[in-house]
C-alpha cells in the first residue's frame, strides 16, 4: 500500500467518524423529556413523520394531581372560597372522593347564574382517569346571620 493510499484511507476513516458524531448529535435531539411524570393521552404524529421544531407530537397528562371542574350557583360565592372542602362522586368508580376547591372562576354566567370552580382531589385517587364524570357534593351552605 502506497503512502497516498494510506492517507486516503485515513481520511475516509476520519470522515466516517465525523458522520457518526453528526448522527449522534442529531439523535440526541430525538429524545423526548417531559417536565413531569405523566401518561401519554394521544400520539399526534406518526412514525417517520417529519415535524418542525416546536410542533406538538404527544399529548401528555399530568395525573399526579387530578382536578375536578364543576358549575355551582353564583350565590354560593358568599361562603365558597378556595380551600373549601367537598366530595365528588364519580360514575365510573361508583365511589366518593374528598376534594378541595383550588380556584373560583373569573366570570359568572349571566343566564344560568352559575360559576365554574376547579377542585383538586386530596384523598386516594388510585384508578382515576382524566375525563371521568360525576357530581359534586357540598355540605349545606352556612346559615345567614341577620
N, C-alpha and C. Protein backbone atom coordinates (compact mmCIF):
# COMPACT_ATOMS: atom_id res chain seq x y z
N UNK A 1 0.85 -1.16 0.00
CA UNK A 1 0.00 0.00 0.00
C UNK A 1 0.91 1.24 0.00
N UNK A 2 0.58 2.17 -0.88
CA UNK A 2 1.40 3.37 -1.01
C UNK A 2 1.03 4.38 0.08
N UNK A 3 1.92 5.32 0.37
CA UNK A 3 1.62 6.35 1.38
C UNK A 3 0.37 7.16 1.01
N UNK A 4 0.15 7.39 -0.28
CA UNK A 4 -1.02 8.14 -0.72
C UNK A 4 -2.30 7.35 -0.40
N UNK A 5 -2.30 6.06 -0.67
CA UNK A 5 -3.46 5.21 -0.38
C UNK A 5 -3.71 5.16 1.13
N UNK A 6 -2.64 5.13 1.90
CA UNK A 6 -2.77 5.12 3.35
C UNK A 6 -3.41 6.42 3.85
N UNK A 7 -2.97 7.55 3.31
CA UNK A 7 -3.56 8.83 3.70
C UNK A 7 -5.02 8.92 3.26
N UNK A 8 -5.34 8.40 2.10
CA UNK A 8 -6.72 8.42 1.61
C UNK A 8 -7.60 7.55 2.52
N UNK A 9 -7.11 6.40 2.94
CA UNK A 9 -7.87 5.53 3.83
C UNK A 9 -8.07 6.21 5.20
N UNK A 10 -7.05 6.87 5.71
CA UNK A 10 -7.15 7.58 6.99
C UNK A 10 -8.17 8.71 6.87
N UNK A 11 -8.19 9.40 5.73
CA UNK A 11 -9.17 10.48 5.52
C UNK A 11 -10.58 9.91 5.48
N UNK A 12 -10.77 8.77 4.88
CA UNK A 12 -12.09 8.12 4.82
C UNK A 12 -12.55 7.71 6.23
N UNK A 13 -11.60 7.20 7.04
CA UNK A 13 -11.93 6.83 8.42
C UNK A 13 -12.33 8.07 9.20
N UNK A 14 -11.60 9.17 9.05
CA UNK A 14 -11.91 10.42 9.75
C UNK A 14 -13.29 10.94 9.31
N UNK A 15 -13.59 10.83 8.02
CA UNK A 15 -14.88 11.28 7.50
C UNK A 15 -16.00 10.42 8.09
N UNK A 16 -15.80 9.12 8.17
CA UNK A 16 -16.81 8.22 8.75
C UNK A 16 -17.03 8.53 10.23
N UNK A 17 -15.96 8.81 10.96
CA UNK A 17 -16.10 9.16 12.38
C UNK A 17 -16.87 10.48 12.55
N UNK A 18 -16.61 11.44 11.67
CA UNK A 18 -17.33 12.71 11.71
C UNK A 18 -18.82 12.50 11.41
N UNK A 19 -19.13 11.63 10.45
CA UNK A 19 -20.54 11.31 10.14
C UNK A 19 -21.23 10.66 11.33
N UNK A 20 -20.52 9.78 12.01
CA UNK A 20 -21.09 9.11 13.19
C UNK A 20 -21.36 10.13 14.30
N UNK A 21 -20.42 11.06 14.52
CA UNK A 21 -20.60 12.10 15.53
C UNK A 21 -21.79 13.00 15.17
N UNK A 22 -21.93 13.32 13.89
CA UNK A 22 -23.05 14.15 13.45
C UNK A 22 -24.38 13.44 13.70
N UNK A 23 -24.47 12.17 13.35
CA UNK A 23 -25.71 11.42 13.58
C UNK A 23 -26.00 11.27 15.07
N UNK A 24 -24.97 11.14 15.88
CA UNK A 24 -25.16 11.08 17.33
C UNK A 24 -25.75 12.37 17.87
N UNK A 25 -25.28 13.50 17.34
CA UNK A 25 -25.82 14.80 17.77
C UNK A 25 -27.27 14.94 17.34
N UNK A 26 -27.60 14.48 16.15
CA UNK A 26 -28.99 14.53 15.66
C UNK A 26 -29.87 13.63 16.51
N UNK A 27 -29.40 12.44 16.85
CA UNK A 27 -30.19 11.51 17.65
C UNK A 27 -30.44 12.04 19.06
N UNK A 28 -29.50 12.80 19.62
CA UNK A 28 -29.71 13.37 20.95
C UNK A 28 -30.90 14.33 20.96
N UNK A 29 -31.19 14.96 19.83
CA UNK A 29 -32.34 15.86 19.72
C UNK A 29 -33.65 15.09 19.60
N UNK A 30 -33.58 13.78 19.42
CA UNK A 30 -34.78 12.97 19.26
C UNK A 30 -35.33 12.47 20.60
N UNK A 31 -34.68 12.80 21.67
CA UNK A 31 -35.13 12.37 22.99
C UNK A 31 -36.27 13.26 23.46
N UNK A 32 -37.33 12.64 23.98
CA UNK A 32 -38.47 13.39 24.49
C UNK A 32 -38.44 13.31 26.01
N UNK A 33 -38.32 14.46 26.64
CA UNK A 33 -38.31 14.50 28.10
C UNK A 33 -39.45 15.40 28.57
N UNK A 34 -40.34 14.84 29.35
CA UNK A 34 -41.45 15.62 29.90
C UNK A 34 -41.00 16.25 31.22
N UNK A 35 -41.56 17.42 31.54
CA UNK A 35 -41.18 18.07 32.80
C UNK A 35 -41.86 17.44 34.01
N UNK A 36 -42.61 16.36 33.79
CA UNK A 36 -43.31 15.68 34.87
C UNK A 36 -43.54 14.23 34.46
N UNK A 37 -43.83 13.40 35.44
CA UNK A 37 -44.14 12.00 35.17
C UNK A 37 -45.63 11.93 34.86
N UNK A 38 -46.00 11.53 33.67
CA UNK A 38 -47.40 11.53 33.28
C UNK A 38 -47.76 10.35 32.42
N UNK A 39 -48.91 10.48 31.77
CA UNK A 39 -49.41 9.42 30.90
C UNK A 39 -49.65 9.99 29.51
N UNK A 40 -49.28 9.23 28.49
CA UNK A 40 -49.50 9.66 27.12
C UNK A 40 -50.97 9.47 26.80
N UNK A 41 -51.65 10.58 26.51
CA UNK A 41 -53.08 10.53 26.19
C UNK A 41 -53.29 10.35 24.69
N UNK A 42 -52.39 10.92 23.89
CA UNK A 42 -52.56 10.82 22.44
C UNK A 42 -51.22 11.06 21.76
N UNK A 43 -50.97 10.28 20.72
CA UNK A 43 -49.79 10.50 19.88
C UNK A 43 -50.26 11.31 18.68
N UNK A 44 -49.72 12.50 18.51
CA UNK A 44 -50.20 13.43 17.50
C UNK A 44 -49.52 13.28 16.14
N UNK A 45 -48.41 12.56 16.09
CA UNK A 45 -47.72 12.32 14.82
C UNK A 45 -47.45 10.83 14.68
N UNK A 46 -47.21 10.42 13.45
CA UNK A 46 -46.95 9.01 13.17
C UNK A 46 -45.45 8.76 13.02
N UNK A 47 -45.09 7.52 13.11
CA UNK A 47 -43.69 7.12 12.96
C UNK A 47 -43.16 7.60 11.61
N UNK A 48 -41.96 8.13 11.61
CA UNK A 48 -41.24 8.64 10.44
C UNK A 48 -41.85 9.91 9.86
N UNK A 49 -42.85 10.47 10.51
CA UNK A 49 -43.44 11.72 10.04
C UNK A 49 -42.51 12.87 10.42
N UNK A 50 -42.33 13.81 9.51
CA UNK A 50 -41.46 14.96 9.76
C UNK A 50 -42.25 16.01 10.54
N UNK A 51 -41.64 16.54 11.58
CA UNK A 51 -42.24 17.64 12.35
C UNK A 51 -41.21 18.75 12.49
N UNK A 52 -41.72 19.97 12.56
CA UNK A 52 -40.83 21.12 12.77
C UNK A 52 -40.56 21.27 14.26
N UNK A 53 -39.48 21.93 14.58
CA UNK A 53 -39.16 22.19 15.98
C UNK A 53 -40.30 22.98 16.61
N UNK A 54 -40.75 22.53 17.78
CA UNK A 54 -41.83 23.20 18.48
C UNK A 54 -43.21 22.64 18.20
N UNK A 55 -43.35 21.81 17.16
CA UNK A 55 -44.65 21.19 16.87
C UNK A 55 -44.96 20.15 17.94
N UNK A 56 -46.22 20.08 18.41
CA UNK A 56 -46.57 19.06 19.40
C UNK A 56 -46.56 17.67 18.77
N UNK A 57 -46.03 16.71 19.50
CA UNK A 57 -46.02 15.33 19.00
C UNK A 57 -46.76 14.37 19.92
N UNK A 58 -46.88 14.74 21.19
CA UNK A 58 -47.60 13.91 22.16
C UNK A 58 -48.48 14.79 23.03
N UNK A 59 -49.60 14.24 23.46
CA UNK A 59 -50.43 14.90 24.48
C UNK A 59 -50.21 14.11 25.76
N UNK A 60 -49.53 14.72 26.72
CA UNK A 60 -49.17 14.04 27.96
C UNK A 60 -49.95 14.66 29.10
N UNK A 61 -50.63 13.81 29.88
CA UNK A 61 -51.40 14.28 31.02
C UNK A 61 -50.61 14.10 32.31
N UNK A 62 -50.62 15.12 33.13
CA UNK A 62 -50.03 15.03 34.46
C UNK A 62 -51.12 14.52 35.39
N UNK A 63 -51.04 13.25 35.75
CA UNK A 63 -52.08 12.66 36.61
C UNK A 63 -51.65 12.57 38.07
N UNK A 64 -50.64 13.37 38.44
CA UNK A 64 -50.19 13.34 39.83
C UNK A 64 -51.15 14.09 40.74
N UNK A 65 -51.88 15.06 40.19
CA UNK A 65 -52.84 15.81 40.98
C UNK A 65 -54.08 16.03 40.09
N UNK A 66 -55.08 15.18 40.28
CA UNK A 66 -56.26 15.25 39.44
C UNK A 66 -57.17 16.39 39.85
N UNK A 67 -57.70 17.09 38.85
CA UNK A 67 -58.57 18.23 39.10
C UNK A 67 -60.02 17.89 38.74
N UNK A 68 -60.91 18.60 39.39
CA UNK A 68 -62.35 18.46 39.18
C UNK A 68 -62.88 19.84 38.78
N UNK A 69 -63.71 19.88 37.75
CA UNK A 69 -64.36 21.12 37.35
C UNK A 69 -65.84 20.97 37.57
N UNK A 70 -66.45 21.98 38.17
CA UNK A 70 -67.89 21.93 38.46
C UNK A 70 -68.50 23.31 38.28
N UNK A 71 -69.79 23.34 37.95
CA UNK A 71 -70.55 24.58 37.91
C UNK A 71 -71.41 24.63 39.16
N UNK A 72 -71.33 25.76 39.87
CA UNK A 72 -72.10 25.93 41.11
C UNK A 72 -72.86 27.24 41.02
N UNK A 73 -73.94 27.39 41.79
CA UNK A 73 -74.68 28.66 41.79
C UNK A 73 -73.79 29.81 42.25
N UNK A 74 -73.90 30.93 41.58
CA UNK A 74 -73.07 32.09 41.93
C UNK A 74 -73.40 32.62 43.32
N UNK A 75 -74.59 32.32 43.83
CA UNK A 75 -74.93 32.77 45.19
C UNK A 75 -74.05 32.09 46.24
N UNK A 76 -73.42 31.00 45.88
CA UNK A 76 -72.54 30.30 46.82
C UNK A 76 -71.24 31.08 47.08
N UNK A 77 -70.97 32.10 46.29
CA UNK A 77 -69.73 32.86 46.47
C UNK A 77 -69.67 33.56 47.82
N UNK A 78 -70.81 33.64 48.52
CA UNK A 78 -70.80 34.25 49.85
C UNK A 78 -70.08 33.36 50.86
N UNK A 79 -70.02 32.05 50.61
CA UNK A 79 -69.36 31.15 51.55
C UNK A 79 -68.34 30.22 50.91
N UNK A 80 -68.40 30.00 49.61
CA UNK A 80 -67.47 29.09 48.94
C UNK A 80 -66.18 29.84 48.60
N UNK A 81 -65.07 29.35 49.12
CA UNK A 81 -63.77 30.00 48.95
C UNK A 81 -62.73 28.94 48.58
N UNK A 82 -61.60 29.36 48.00
CA UNK A 82 -60.51 28.40 47.80
C UNK A 82 -60.14 27.75 49.13
N UNK A 83 -60.00 26.45 49.12
CA UNK A 83 -59.72 25.69 50.34
C UNK A 83 -60.95 25.01 50.91
N UNK A 84 -62.15 25.44 50.47
CA UNK A 84 -63.38 24.79 50.94
C UNK A 84 -63.37 23.33 50.49
N UNK A 85 -63.84 22.45 51.37
CA UNK A 85 -63.84 21.02 51.05
C UNK A 85 -65.20 20.56 50.56
N UNK A 86 -65.18 19.59 49.66
CA UNK A 86 -66.39 18.95 49.19
C UNK A 86 -66.02 17.56 48.71
N UNK A 87 -67.03 16.80 48.34
CA UNK A 87 -66.79 15.45 47.83
C UNK A 87 -67.25 15.40 46.38
N UNK A 88 -66.68 14.48 45.65
CA UNK A 88 -67.13 14.25 44.28
C UNK A 88 -67.42 12.75 44.14
N UNK A 89 -68.59 12.44 43.59
CA UNK A 89 -68.99 11.06 43.34
C UNK A 89 -68.78 10.82 41.85
N UNK A 90 -67.97 9.81 41.51
CA UNK A 90 -67.68 9.51 40.11
C UNK A 90 -68.47 8.30 39.65
N UNK A 91 -69.14 8.46 38.52
CA UNK A 91 -69.99 7.40 37.97
C UNK A 91 -69.18 6.14 37.63
N UNK A 92 -67.99 6.33 37.06
CA UNK A 92 -67.20 5.19 36.60
C UNK A 92 -66.74 4.28 37.73
N UNK A 93 -66.47 4.84 38.90
CA UNK A 93 -65.97 4.04 40.02
C UNK A 93 -67.04 3.77 41.06
N UNK A 94 -68.14 4.54 41.00
CA UNK A 94 -69.22 4.43 41.99
C UNK A 94 -68.69 4.69 43.40
N UNK A 95 -67.74 5.64 43.51
CA UNK A 95 -67.16 5.99 44.80
C UNK A 95 -67.09 7.50 44.97
N UNK A 96 -67.01 7.95 46.23
CA UNK A 96 -66.82 9.35 46.55
C UNK A 96 -65.35 9.62 46.85
N UNK A 97 -64.90 10.83 46.51
CA UNK A 97 -63.52 11.22 46.74
C UNK A 97 -63.50 12.60 47.41
N UNK A 98 -62.64 12.76 48.39
CA UNK A 98 -62.50 14.03 49.09
C UNK A 98 -61.80 15.02 48.16
N UNK A 99 -62.33 16.24 48.11
CA UNK A 99 -61.83 17.25 47.18
C UNK A 99 -61.78 18.60 47.87
N UNK A 100 -60.90 19.47 47.38
CA UNK A 100 -60.76 20.82 47.94
C UNK A 100 -60.80 21.83 46.79
N UNK A 101 -61.50 22.95 46.99
CA UNK A 101 -61.58 24.00 45.97
C UNK A 101 -60.19 24.60 45.77
N UNK A 102 -59.73 24.57 44.54
CA UNK A 102 -58.42 25.14 44.20
C UNK A 102 -58.58 26.60 43.76
N UNK A 103 -59.60 26.84 42.90
CA UNK A 103 -59.82 28.22 42.46
C UNK A 103 -61.24 28.40 41.96
N UNK A 104 -61.68 29.64 42.06
CA UNK A 104 -63.01 30.02 41.58
C UNK A 104 -62.86 30.65 40.20
N UNK A 105 -63.87 30.45 39.36
CA UNK A 105 -63.84 31.04 38.03
C UNK A 105 -63.82 32.56 38.09
N UNK A 106 -63.51 33.18 36.97
CA UNK A 106 -63.41 34.64 36.92
C UNK A 106 -64.69 35.30 36.42
N UNK A 107 -65.63 34.50 35.94
CA UNK A 107 -66.83 35.06 35.33
C UNK A 107 -68.06 34.27 35.71
N UNK A 108 -69.14 34.98 36.03
CA UNK A 108 -70.43 34.36 36.31
C UNK A 108 -71.22 34.32 35.01
N UNK A 109 -71.80 33.17 34.71
CA UNK A 109 -72.65 33.07 33.53
C UNK A 109 -73.95 33.83 33.82
N UNK A 110 -74.27 34.87 33.03
CA UNK A 110 -75.45 35.68 33.34
C UNK A 110 -76.78 34.95 33.14
N UNK A 111 -76.82 33.95 32.30
CA UNK A 111 -78.06 33.23 32.04
C UNK A 111 -78.37 32.24 33.15
N UNK A 112 -77.39 31.40 33.48
CA UNK A 112 -77.62 30.35 34.48
C UNK A 112 -77.28 30.81 35.90
N UNK A 113 -76.66 31.99 36.04
CA UNK A 113 -76.22 32.49 37.33
C UNK A 113 -75.35 31.45 38.04
N UNK A 114 -74.41 30.88 37.27
CA UNK A 114 -73.50 29.88 37.84
C UNK A 114 -72.06 30.32 37.58
N UNK A 115 -71.16 29.71 38.32
CA UNK A 115 -69.73 30.00 38.18
C UNK A 115 -68.98 28.67 38.17
N UNK A 116 -67.92 28.63 37.38
CA UNK A 116 -67.10 27.42 37.29
C UNK A 116 -66.07 27.44 38.40
N UNK A 117 -65.92 26.30 39.08
CA UNK A 117 -64.87 26.16 40.10
C UNK A 117 -63.97 25.00 39.71
N UNK A 118 -62.76 25.04 40.20
CA UNK A 118 -61.80 23.96 39.99
C UNK A 118 -61.39 23.43 41.35
N UNK A 119 -61.47 22.12 41.50
CA UNK A 119 -61.06 21.48 42.74
C UNK A 119 -59.95 20.48 42.50
N UNK A 120 -59.31 20.06 43.56
CA UNK A 120 -58.24 19.06 43.50
C UNK A 120 -58.61 17.90 44.41
N UNK A 121 -58.50 16.69 43.89
CA UNK A 121 -58.78 15.51 44.72
C UNK A 121 -57.64 15.38 45.73
N UNK A 122 -58.01 15.36 47.01
CA UNK A 122 -56.99 15.36 48.06
C UNK A 122 -56.75 13.98 48.65
N UNK A 123 -57.70 13.08 48.52
CA UNK A 123 -57.54 11.74 49.07
C UNK A 123 -56.91 10.80 48.06
N UNK A 124 -57.04 9.51 48.32
CA UNK A 124 -56.52 8.50 47.40
C UNK A 124 -57.25 8.61 46.06
N UNK A 125 -56.50 8.54 44.98
CA UNK A 125 -57.11 8.65 43.66
C UNK A 125 -56.68 7.51 42.74
N UNK A 126 -56.37 6.36 43.33
CA UNK A 126 -55.96 5.21 42.53
C UNK A 126 -57.08 4.82 41.57
N UNK A 127 -56.71 4.55 40.34
CA UNK A 127 -57.68 4.08 39.36
C UNK A 127 -58.47 5.18 38.67
N UNK A 128 -58.23 6.44 39.02
CA UNK A 128 -58.96 7.52 38.38
C UNK A 128 -58.26 7.95 37.09
N UNK A 129 -59.07 8.31 36.10
CA UNK A 129 -58.54 8.76 34.82
C UNK A 129 -59.16 10.10 34.46
N UNK A 130 -58.41 10.90 33.72
CA UNK A 130 -58.93 12.18 33.25
C UNK A 130 -60.17 11.94 32.40
N UNK A 131 -61.17 12.78 32.57
CA UNK A 131 -62.39 12.69 31.78
C UNK A 131 -63.53 11.97 32.46
N UNK A 132 -63.30 11.39 33.63
CA UNK A 132 -64.39 10.74 34.35
C UNK A 132 -65.41 11.79 34.76
N UNK A 133 -66.67 11.37 34.92
CA UNK A 133 -67.72 12.33 35.25
C UNK A 133 -68.49 11.88 36.48
N UNK A 134 -69.15 12.84 37.08
CA UNK A 134 -69.93 12.54 38.27
C UNK A 134 -70.59 13.80 38.78
N UNK A 135 -70.75 13.88 40.09
CA UNK A 135 -71.39 15.05 40.68
C UNK A 135 -70.64 15.49 41.92
N UNK A 136 -70.67 16.80 42.14
CA UNK A 136 -70.03 17.38 43.32
C UNK A 136 -71.05 17.40 44.45
N UNK A 137 -70.58 17.07 45.65
CA UNK A 137 -71.45 17.03 46.83
C UNK A 137 -70.89 18.00 47.86
N UNK A 138 -71.68 19.04 48.15
CA UNK A 138 -71.28 20.06 49.11
C UNK A 138 -72.12 19.92 50.36
N UNK A 139 -71.51 20.22 51.50
CA UNK A 139 -72.28 20.29 52.74
C UNK A 139 -73.24 21.46 52.60
N UNK A 140 -74.28 21.50 53.41
CA UNK A 140 -75.25 22.59 53.33
C UNK A 140 -74.54 23.93 53.51
N UNK A 141 -75.02 24.93 52.79
CA UNK A 141 -74.44 26.27 52.88
C UNK A 141 -74.62 26.79 54.30
N UNK A 142 -73.63 27.53 54.79
CA UNK A 142 -73.75 28.10 56.14
C UNK A 142 -74.99 29.00 56.25
N UNK A 143 -75.62 29.01 57.40
CA UNK A 143 -76.81 29.84 57.63
C UNK A 143 -76.40 31.30 57.64
N UNK A 144 -77.29 32.17 57.11
CA UNK A 144 -77.02 33.61 57.11
C UNK A 144 -77.30 34.17 58.48
N UNK A 145 -76.47 35.09 58.90
CA UNK A 145 -76.67 35.77 60.17
C UNK A 145 -77.23 37.16 59.91
N UNK A 146 -78.44 37.45 60.42
CA UNK A 146 -79.04 38.76 60.20
C UNK A 146 -78.83 39.67 61.37
